[in-house]
Protein backbone atom coordinates (compact mmCIF):
# COMPACT_ATOMS: atom_id res chain seq x y z
CA MET A 1 0.36 -0.21 -0.22
CA SER A 2 1.39 3.65 -0.72
CA GLU A 3 1.71 6.60 1.81
CA PRO A 4 -0.98 9.22 1.59
CA GLN A 5 -0.48 11.72 -0.56
CA LEU A 6 -1.33 15.84 -0.76
CA MET A 7 -3.47 16.71 -3.10
CA GLN A 8 -2.85 20.41 -4.55
CA TYR A 9 -5.73 22.99 -4.96
CA ILE A 10 -5.34 26.10 -7.69
CA GLU A 11 -8.35 27.99 -6.72
CA CYS A 12 -8.98 30.48 -10.20
CA ASN A 13 -11.36 33.99 -10.82
CA VAL A 14 -10.81 35.75 -13.71
CA GLU A 15 -13.01 39.08 -14.55
CA LEU A 16 -12.31 40.77 -17.33
CA THR A 17 -13.96 43.85 -20.02
CA CYS A 18 -12.29 43.39 -23.24
CA PRO A 19 -14.13 46.02 -25.48
CA GLY A 20 -13.73 45.82 -29.15
CA PRO A 21 -15.34 47.59 -32.12
CA SER A 22 -16.75 44.34 -33.41
CA GLU A 23 -17.16 41.07 -31.51
CA ASN A 24 -15.13 38.83 -33.67
CA VAL A 25 -12.10 41.36 -32.79
CA ALA A 26 -13.82 41.82 -28.62
CA ARG A 27 -13.21 37.75 -29.01
CA GLY A 28 -9.97 37.66 -30.33
CA TRP A 29 -8.43 40.05 -27.52
CA THR A 30 -10.10 38.32 -25.05
CA ALA A 31 -8.60 34.99 -26.24
CA ALA A 32 -4.93 36.47 -26.63
CA ALA A 33 -5.65 38.09 -22.92
CA LEU A 34 -6.65 34.60 -21.54
CA ARG A 35 -4.03 32.65 -23.85
CA LYS A 36 -1.69 35.53 -22.16
CA ILE A 37 -2.71 34.16 -18.20
CA ALA A 38 -2.28 30.87 -18.87
CA SER A 39 1.32 31.18 -20.11
CA LYS A 40 1.93 33.17 -17.12
CA LEU A 41 0.85 30.13 -15.07
CA GLU A 42 2.43 27.39 -17.00
CA ARG A 43 5.77 29.94 -16.14
CA GLY A 44 5.02 30.07 -12.52
CA GLU A 45 4.92 33.69 -13.07
CA TYR A 46 1.53 33.69 -10.34
CA GLN A 47 1.88 33.72 -6.50
CA ASP A 48 -1.32 34.41 -4.58
CA GLY A 49 -3.91 36.98 -4.22
CA HIS A 50 -5.38 39.40 -7.47
CA HIS A 51 -3.50 40.35 -10.48
CA GLU A 52 -3.93 43.19 -13.01
CA VAL A 53 -4.72 42.11 -16.47
CA THR A 54 -3.88 44.61 -19.80
CA GLY A 55 -5.04 43.71 -23.75
CA ARG A 56 -3.09 44.59 -26.06
CA ILE A 57 -2.37 48.01 -25.69
CA GLY A 58 -1.38 47.78 -22.50
CA LYS A 59 -4.15 49.36 -20.70
CA LYS A 60 -6.06 47.41 -17.62
CA ILE A 61 -8.46 45.13 -18.96
CA GLY A 62 -9.59 43.66 -15.95
CA GLU A 63 -8.06 41.11 -13.26
CA VAL A 64 -7.41 37.05 -12.01
CA TYR A 65 -7.36 35.86 -8.26
CA PHE A 66 -5.65 32.68 -7.50
CA ASP A 67 -4.87 30.46 -4.30
CA PHE A 68 -2.55 28.11 -4.82
CA SER A 69 -3.43 25.73 -1.84
CA GLU A 70 -2.64 22.48 -0.35
CA GLY A 71 -5.75 20.20 0.19
CA ASP A 72 -6.56 16.81 1.62
CA TYR A 73 -4.39 13.17 1.94
CA PHE A 74 -5.90 10.80 -0.40
CA GLU A 75 -4.44 7.08 -1.20
CA ASP A 76 -3.25 6.05 -4.74
CA SER A 77 -5.14 2.27 -4.98
CA ASP A 78 -4.02 2.08 -8.62
CA THR A 79 -0.79 1.25 -6.66
């Protein structure tokens, strides 16, 4: 039987207001902002708390919140 392992959790809340000259353009700019958030998250550039999100011209379009925490122990039943 294996030792219990600690499960890691990330709570993430994103709130963006991304204006554009058309709905299609606004969708593209919003998607680009979300991809930028995802890339920074994968590189480990975020800490706990709120972080400003800027659009393509550097203007604030919202923020993202992260809570990196440890949760409950679980036993791996596959080993």
